[in-house]
Amino acid sequence: MRLWLEERRDQGLYPYVFKATTIAFIHGMAERSRSEIIPWCEDQFGPCGERWNHVAYQIHFADPNDALVFKMRWL
């Protein structure tokens, strides 16, 4: 899956953001995020809303190390 990482320093608790590209949408990012990525994040980082958050087609992380783990797995 092709995603890109955008680091935002003005996003409060979750400054590290992975956003889906147009290509990812065309190739089923929405379905894959529900069936693979979200459960994987829950297993790795705990419940949504603590160390990480999921908003629409974006995954947000509070910690740069968690963001790196996600990047190594999904990019």
PDB file of N, CA and C in Angstrom:
ATOM      1  N   MET A   1       0.845  -1.169   0.000  1.00  0.00           N
ATOM      2  CA  MET A   1       0.000   0.000   0.000  1.00  0.00           C
ATOM      3  C   MET A   1       0.889   1.229   0.000  1.00  0.00           C
ATOM      4  N   ARG A   2       0.492   2.195  -0.753  1.00  0.00           N
ATOM      5  CA  ARG A   2       1.291   3.401  -0.841  1.00  0.00           C
ATOM      6  C   ARG A   2       0.646   4.500  -0.005  1.00  0.00           C
ATOM      7  N   LEU A   3       1.318   4.890   1.057  1.00  0.00           N
ATOM      8  CA  LEU A   3       0.872   5.989   1.911  1.00  0.00           C
ATOM      9  C   LEU A   3       1.989   7.020   1.941  1.00  0.00           C
ATOM     10  N   TRP A   4       1.683   8.196   2.424  1.00  0.00           N
ATOM     11  CA  TRP A   4       2.738   9.158   2.663  1.00  0.00           C
ATOM     12  C   TRP A   4       2.598   9.721   4.059  1.00  0.00           C
ATOM     13  N   LEU A   5       3.701  10.076   4.647  1.00  0.00           N
ATOM     14  CA  LEU A   5       3.748  10.579   6.010  1.00  0.00           C
ATOM     15  C   LEU A   5       3.876  12.091   6.002  1.00  0.00           C
ATOM     16  N   GLU A   6       3.043  12.712   6.785  1.00  0.00           N
ATOM     17  CA  GLU A   6       3.124  14.155   6.960  1.00  0.00           C
ATOM     18  C   GLU A   6       3.284  14.421   8.447  1.00  0.00           C
ATOM     19  N   GLU A   7       4.325  15.137   8.815  1.00  0.00           N
ATOM     20  CA  GLU A   7       4.528  15.481  10.216  1.00  0.00           C
ATOM     21  C   GLU A   7       3.949  16.855  10.476  1.00  0.00           C
ATOM     22  N   ARG A   8       3.060  16.918  11.440  1.00  0.00           N
ATOM     23  CA  ARG A   8       2.449  18.189  11.817  1.00  0.00           C
ATOM     24  C   ARG A   8       2.812  18.487  13.263  1.00  0.00           C
ATOM     25  N   ARG A   9       3.417  19.597  13.496  1.00  0.00           N
ATOM     26  CA  ARG A   9       3.795  19.972  14.856  1.00  0.00           C
ATOM     27  C   ARG A   9       2.711  20.791  15.554  1.00  0.00           C
ATOM     28  N   ASP A  10       1.679  21.138  14.841  1.00  0.00           N
ATOM     29  CA  ASP A  10       0.616  21.960  15.428  1.00  0.00           C
ATOM     30  C   ASP A  10      -0.659  21.163  15.680  1.00  0.00           C
ATOM     31  N   GLN A  11      -0.562  19.828  15.720  1.00  0.00           N
ATOM     32  CA  GLN A  11      -1.747  18.998  15.885  1.00  0.00           C
ATOM     33  C   GLN A  11      -1.954  18.522  17.318  1.00  0.00           C
ATOM     34  N   GLY A  12      -1.362  19.141  18.283  1.00  0.00           N
ATOM     35  CA  GLY A  12      -1.598  18.763  19.670  1.00  0.00           C
ATOM     36  C   GLY A  12      -1.032  17.399  20.014  1.00  0.00           C
ATOM     37  N   LEU A  13      -1.893  16.493  20.441  1.00  0.00           N
ATOM     38  CA  LEU A  13      -1.459  15.191  20.944  1.00  0.00           C
ATOM     39  C   LEU A  13      -0.924  14.251  19.877  1.00  0.00           C
ATOM     40  N   TYR A  14      -1.308  14.423  18.624  1.00  0.00           N
ATOM     41  CA  TYR A  14      -0.960  13.475  17.559  1.00  0.00           C
ATOM     42  C   TYR A  14      -0.269  14.182  16.389  1.00  0.00           C
ATOM     43  N   PRO A  15       1.010  14.546  16.528  1.00  0.00           N
ATOM     44  CA  PRO A  15       1.665  15.322  15.483  1.00  0.00           C
ATOM     45  C   PRO A  15       2.148  14.525  14.272  1.00  0.00           C
ATOM     46  N   TYR A  16       2.159  13.197  14.352  1.00  0.00           N
ATOM     47  CA  TYR A  16       2.654  12.367  13.242  1.00  0.00           C
ATOM     48  C   TYR A  16       1.469  11.751  12.527  1.00  0.00           C
ATOM     49  N   VAL A  17       1.290  12.114  11.263  1.00  0.00           N
ATOM     50  CA  VAL A  17       0.079  11.750  10.535  1.00  0.00           C
ATOM     51  C   VAL A  17       0.430  10.990   9.262  1.00  0.00           C
ATOM     52  N   PHE A  18      -0.195   9.820   9.079  1.00  0.00           N
ATOM     53  CA  PHE A  18      -0.097   9.066   7.834  1.00  0.00           C
ATOM     54  C   PHE A  18      -1.408   9.272   7.090  1.00  0.00           C
ATOM     55  N   LYS A  19      -1.312   9.743   5.854  1.00  0.00           N
ATOM     56  CA  LYS A  19      -2.505  10.004   5.054  1.00  0.00           C
ATOM     57  C   LYS A  19      -2.465   9.147   3.803  1.00  0.00           C
ATOM     58  N   ALA A  20      -3.618   8.696   3.376  1.00  0.00           N
ATOM     59  CA  ALA A  20      -3.711   7.903   2.149  1.00  0.00           C
ATOM     60  C   ALA A  20      -3.554   8.795   0.924  1.00  0.00           C
ATOM     61  N   THR A  21      -2.850   8.284  -0.073  1.00  0.00           N
ATOM     62  CA  THR A  21      -2.731   8.989  -1.348  1.00  0.00           C
ATOM     63  C   THR A  21      -3.940   8.661  -2.220  1.00  0.00           C
ATOM     64  N   THR A  22      -4.088   9.370  -3.302  1.00  0.00           N
ATOM     65  CA  THR A  22      -5.170   9.083  -4.248  1.00  0.00           C
ATOM     66  C   THR A  22      -5.061   7.658  -4.772  1.00  0.00           C
ATOM     67  N   ILE A  23      -3.853   7.206  -5.041  1.00  0.00           N
ATOM     68  CA  ILE A  23      -3.645   5.839  -5.519  1.00  0.00           C
ATOM     69  C   ILE A  23      -4.138   4.832  -4.490  1.00  0.00           C
ATOM     70  N   ALA A  24      -3.892   5.081  -3.219  1.00  0.00           N
ATOM     71  CA  ALA A  24      -4.349   4.168  -2.167  1.00  0.00           C
ATOM     72  C   ALA A  24      -5.870   4.099  -2.133  1.00  0.00           C
ATOM     73  N   PHE A  25      -6.541   5.226  -2.331  1.00  0.00           N
ATOM     74  CA  PHE A  25      -8.005   5.213  -2.377  1.00  0.00           C
ATOM     75  C   PHE A  25      -8.496   4.351  -3.534  1.00  0.00           C
ATOM     76  N   ILE A  26      -7.877   4.515  -4.682  1.00  0.00           N
ATOM     77  CA  ILE A  26      -8.280   3.756  -5.864  1.00  0.00           C
ATOM     78  C   ILE A  26      -8.098   2.263  -5.636  1.00  0.00           C
ATOM     79  N   HIS A  27      -7.058   1.895  -4.903  1.00  0.00           N
ATOM     80  CA  HIS A  27      -6.751   0.485  -4.679  1.00  0.00           C
ATOM     81  C   HIS A  27      -7.327  -0.062  -3.379  1.00  0.00           C
ATOM     82  N   GLY A  28      -8.293   0.607  -2.785  1.00  0.00           N
ATOM     83  CA  GLY A  28      -9.024   0.049  -1.656  1.00  0.00           C
ATOM     84  C   GLY A  28      -8.496   0.371  -0.276  1.00  0.00           C
ATOM     85  N   MET A  29      -7.924   1.547  -0.084  1.00  0.00           N
ATOM     86  CA  MET A  29      -7.432   1.929   1.239  1.00  0.00           C
ATOM     87  C   MET A  29      -8.528   1.859   2.287  1.00  0.00           C
ATOM     88  N   ALA A  30      -9.726   2.282   1.957  1.00  0.00           N
ATOM     89  CA  ALA A  30     -10.810   2.314   2.943  1.00  0.00           C
ATOM     90  C   ALA A  30     -11.064   0.925   3.500  1.00  0.00           C
ATOM     91  N   GLU A  31     -11.207  -0.053   2.640  1.00  0.00           N
ATOM     92  CA  GLU A  31     -11.473  -1.420   3.099  1.00  0.00           C
ATOM     93  C   GLU A  31     -10.276  -2.013   3.825  1.00  0.00           C
ATOM     94  N   ARG A  32      -9.098  -1.791   3.298  1.00  0.00           N
ATOM     95  CA  ARG A  32      -7.907  -2.349   3.944  1.00  0.00           C
ATOM     96  C   ARG A  32      -7.685  -1.735   5.317  1.00  0.00           C
ATOM     97  N   SER A  33      -7.954  -0.443   5.460  1.00  0.00           N
ATOM     98  CA  SER A  33      -7.757   0.192   6.764  1.00  0.00           C
ATOM     99  C   SER A  33      -8.672  -0.413   7.810  1.00  0.00           C
ATOM    100  N   ARG A  34      -9.879  -0.761   7.412  1.00  0.00           N
ATOM    101  CA  ARG A  34     -10.813  -1.351   8.363  1.00  0.00           C
ATOM    102  C   ARG A  34     -10.460  -2.798   8.676  1.00  0.00           C
ATOM    103  N   SER A  35     -10.007  -3.531   7.701  1.00  0.00           N
ATOM    104  CA  SER A  35      -9.792  -4.963   7.892  1.00  0.00           C
ATOM    105  C   SER A  35      -8.386  -5.343   8.343  1.00  0.00           C
ATOM    106  N   GLU A  36      -7.389  -4.502   8.092  1.00  0.00           N
ATOM    107  CA  GLU A  36      -6.010  -4.846   8.437  1.00  0.00           C
ATOM    108  C   GLU A  36      -5.305  -3.811   9.303  1.00  0.00           C
ATOM    109  N   ILE A  37      -5.313  -2.576   8.887  1.00  0.00           N
ATOM    110  CA  ILE A  37      -4.498  -1.568   9.560  1.00  0.00           C
ATOM    111  C   ILE A  37      -5.024  -1.241  10.954  1.00  0.00           C
ATOM    112  N   ILE A  38      -6.317  -0.995  11.091  1.00  0.00           N
ATOM    113  CA  ILE A  38      -6.873  -0.615  12.393  1.00  0.00           C
ATOM    114  C   ILE A  38      -6.680  -1.726  13.430  1.00  0.00           C
ATOM    115  N   PRO A  39      -7.019  -2.990  13.135  1.00  0.00           N
ATOM    116  CA  PRO A  39      -6.763  -4.050  14.118  1.00  0.00           C
ATOM    117  C   PRO A  39      -5.274  -4.197  14.459  1.00  0.00           C
ATOM    118  N   TRP A  40      -4.406  -4.017  13.470  1.00  0.00           N
ATOM    119  CA  TRP A  40      -2.969  -4.097  13.730  1.00  0.00           C
ATOM    120  C   TRP A  40      -2.549  -2.991  14.700  1.00  0.00           C
ATOM    121  N   CYS A  41      -3.030  -1.775  14.479  1.00  0.00           N
ATOM    122  CA  CYS A  41      -2.710  -0.666  15.384  1.00  0.00           C
ATOM    123  C   CYS A  41      -3.216  -0.941  16.796  1.00  0.00           C
ATOM    124  N   GLU A  42      -4.409  -1.490  16.915  1.00  0.00           N
ATOM    125  CA  GLU A  42      -4.950  -1.825  18.237  1.00  0.00           C
ATOM    126  C   GLU A  42      -4.077  -2.860  18.934  1.00  0.00           C
ATOM    127  N   ASP A  43      -3.609  -3.858  18.204  1.00  0.00           N
ATOM    128  CA  ASP A  43      -2.724  -4.879  18.785  1.00  0.00           C
ATOM    129  C   ASP A  43      -1.380  -4.294  19.196  1.00  0.00           C
ATOM    130  N   GLN A  44      -0.833  -3.415  18.373  1.00  0.00           N
ATOM    131  CA  GLN A  44       0.498  -2.862  18.626  1.00  0.00           C
ATOM    132  C   GLN A  44       0.507  -1.732  19.650  1.00  0.00           C
ATOM    133  N   PHE A  45      -0.498  -0.861  19.592  1.00  0.00           N
ATOM    134  CA  PHE A  45      -0.447   0.389  20.351  1.00  0.00           C
ATOM    135  C   PHE A  45      -1.570   0.561  21.369  1.00  0.00           C
ATOM    136  N   GLY A  46      -2.483  -0.389  21.433  1.00  0.00           N
ATOM    137  CA  GLY A  46      -3.609  -0.278  22.363  1.00  0.00           C
ATOM    138  C   GLY A  46      -4.801   0.410  21.717  1.00  0.00           C
ATOM    139  N   PRO A  47      -5.772   0.781  22.545  1.00  0.00           N
ATOM    140  CA  PRO A  47      -7.012   1.355  22.019  1.00  0.00           C
ATOM    141  C   PRO A  47      -6.796   2.682  21.278  1.00  0.00           C
ATOM    142  N   CYS A  48      -7.593   2.880  20.267  1.00  0.00           N
ATOM    143  CA  CYS A  48      -7.597   4.142  19.536  1.00  0.00           C
ATOM    144  C   CYS A  48      -7.932   5.269  20.506  1.00  0.00           C
ATOM    145  N   GLY A  49      -7.227   6.383  20.386  1.00  0.00           N
ATOM    146  CA  GLY A  49      -7.485   7.534  21.235  1.00  0.00           C
ATOM    147  C   GLY A  49      -6.487   7.694  22.361  1.00  0.00           C
ATOM    148  N   GLU A  50      -5.568   6.741  22.483  1.00  0.00           N
ATOM    149  CA  GLU A  50      -4.525   6.868  23.498  1.00  0.00           C
ATOM    150  C   GLU A  50      -3.196   7.217  22.828  1.00  0.00           C
ATOM    151  N   ARG A  51      -2.427   6.219  22.406  1.00  0.00           N
ATOM    152  CA  ARG A  51      -1.145   6.477  21.746  1.00  0.00           C
ATOM    153  C   ARG A  51      -1.313   6.828  20.279  1.00  0.00           C
ATOM    154  N   TRP A  52      -2.459   6.500  19.712  1.00  0.00           N
ATOM    155  CA  TRP A  52      -2.717   6.731  18.295  1.00  0.00           C
ATOM    156  C   TRP A  52      -4.187   7.072  18.110  1.00  0.00           C
ATOM    157  N   ASN A  53      -4.517   7.551  16.934  1.00  0.00           N
ATOM    158  CA  ASN A  53      -5.904   7.893  16.634  1.00  0.00           C
ATOM    159  C   ASN A  53      -6.156   7.658  15.145  1.00  0.00           C
ATOM    160  N   HIS A  54      -7.393   7.369  14.805  1.00  0.00           N
ATOM    161  CA  HIS A  54      -7.803   7.125  13.417  1.00  0.00           C
ATOM    162  C   HIS A  54      -8.914   8.113  13.100  1.00  0.00           C
ATOM    163  N   VAL A  55      -8.693   8.940  12.091  1.00  0.00           N
ATOM    164  CA  VAL A  55      -9.684   9.923  11.675  1.00  0.00           C
ATOM    165  C   VAL A  55      -9.824   9.820  10.160  1.00  0.00           C
ATOM    166  N   ALA A  56     -11.004   9.442   9.712  1.00  0.00           N
ATOM    167  CA  ALA A  56     -11.260   9.269   8.271  1.00  0.00           C
ATOM    168  C   ALA A  56     -10.194   8.358   7.674  1.00  0.00           C
ATOM    169  N   TYR A  57      -9.408   8.847   6.737  1.00  0.00           N
ATOM    170  CA  TYR A  57      -8.369   8.041   6.092  1.00  0.00           C
ATOM    171  C   TYR A  57      -6.984   8.464   6.551  1.00  0.00           C
ATOM    172  N   GLN A  58      -6.883   8.784   7.829  1.00  0.00           N
ATOM    173  CA  GLN A  58      -5.616   9.193   8.418  1.00  0.00           C
ATOM    174  C   GLN A  58      -5.382   8.413   9.704  1.00  0.00           C
ATOM    175  N   ILE A  59      -4.110   8.082   9.953  1.00  0.00           N
ATOM    176  CA  ILE A  59      -3.689   7.481  11.208  1.00  0.00           C
ATOM    177  C   ILE A  59      -2.752   8.484  11.862  1.00  0.00           C
ATOM    178  N   HIS A  60      -3.027   8.846  13.108  1.00  0.00           N
ATOM    179  CA  HIS A  60      -2.253   9.847  13.837  1.00  0.00           C
ATOM    180  C   HIS A  60      -1.538   9.182  15.012  1.00  0.00           C
ATOM    181  N   PHE A  61      -0.295   9.593  15.249  1.00  0.00           N
ATOM    182  CA  PHE A  61       0.484   9.074  16.370  1.00  0.00           C
ATOM    183  C   PHE A  61       1.015  10.211  17.225  1.00  0.00           C
ATOM    184  N   ALA A  62       1.060   9.967  18.530  1.00  0.00           N
ATOM    185  CA  ALA A  62       1.610  10.934  19.468  1.00  0.00           C
ATOM    186  C   ALA A  62       3.131  10.807  19.554  1.00  0.00           C
ATOM    187  N   ASP A  63       3.639   9.591  19.477  1.00  0.00           N
ATOM    188  CA  ASP A  63       5.050   9.310  19.713  1.00  0.00           C
ATOM    189  C   ASP A  63       5.780   9.036  18.396  1.00  0.00           C
ATOM    190  N   PRO A  64       6.944   9.643  18.191  1.00  0.00           N
ATOM    191  CA  PRO A  64       7.673   9.407  16.950  1.00  0.00           C
ATOM    192  C   PRO A  64       8.105   7.951  16.782  1.00  0.00           C
ATOM    193  N   ASN A  65       8.368   7.245  17.873  1.00  0.00           N
ATOM    194  CA  ASN A  65       8.750   5.832  17.773  1.00  0.00           C
ATOM    195  C   ASN A  65       7.589   4.981  17.274  1.00  0.00           C
ATOM    196  N   ASP A  66       6.381   5.260  17.745  1.00  0.00           N
ATOM    197  CA  ASP A  66       5.200   4.551  17.248  1.00  0.00           C
ATOM    198  C   ASP A  66       4.982   4.840  15.765  1.00  0.00           C
ATOM    199  N   ALA A  67       5.184   6.092  15.377  1.00  0.00           N
ATOM    200  CA  ALA A  67       5.037   6.465  13.968  1.00  0.00           C
ATOM    201  C   ALA A  67       6.046   5.705  13.107  1.00  0.00           C
ATOM    202  N   LEU A  68       7.261   5.537  13.608  1.00  0.00           N
ATOM    203  CA  LEU A  68       8.281   4.799  12.868  1.00  0.00           C
ATOM    204  C   LEU A  68       7.905   3.323  12.732  1.00  0.00           C
ATOM    205  N   VAL A  69       7.397   2.717  13.800  1.00  0.00           N
ATOM    206  CA  VAL A  69       6.963   1.315  13.744  1.00  0.00           C
ATOM    207  C   VAL A  69       5.874   1.152  12.685  1.00  0.00           C
ATOM    208  N   PHE A  70       4.901   2.060  12.670  1.00  0.00           N
ATOM    209  CA  PHE A  70       3.837   2.016  11.670  1.00  0.00           C
ATOM    210  C   PHE A  70       4.413   2.153  10.259  1.00  0.00           C
ATOM    211  N   LYS A  71       5.300   3.106  10.097  1.00  0.00           N
ATOM    212  CA  LYS A  71       5.905   3.356   8.788  1.00  0.00           C
ATOM    213  C   LYS A  71       6.664   2.131   8.295  1.00  0.00           C
ATOM    214  N   MET A  72       7.409   1.481   9.176  1.00  0.00           N
ATOM    215  CA  MET A  72       8.180   0.299   8.783  1.00  0.00           C
ATOM    216  C   MET A  72       7.264  -0.853   8.370  1.00  0.00           C
ATOM    217  N   ARG A  73       6.102  -0.956   8.982  1.00  0.00           N
ATOM    218  CA  ARG A  73       5.175  -2.046   8.671  1.00  0.00           C
ATOM    219  C   ARG A  73       4.362  -1.790   7.403  1.00  0.00           C
ATOM    220  N   TRP A  74       3.885  -0.576   7.215  1.00  0.00           N
ATOM    221  CA  TRP A  74       2.883  -0.313   6.179  1.00  0.00           C
ATOM    222  C   TRP A  74       3.389   0.448   4.967  1.00  0.00           C
ATOM    223  N   LEU A  75       4.597   0.986   5.005  1.00  0.00           N
ATOM    224  CA  LEU A  75       5.078   1.730   3.836  1.00  0.00           C
ATOM    225  C   LEU A  75       6.070   0.931   3.037  1.00  0.00           C
TER     226      LEU A  75
END
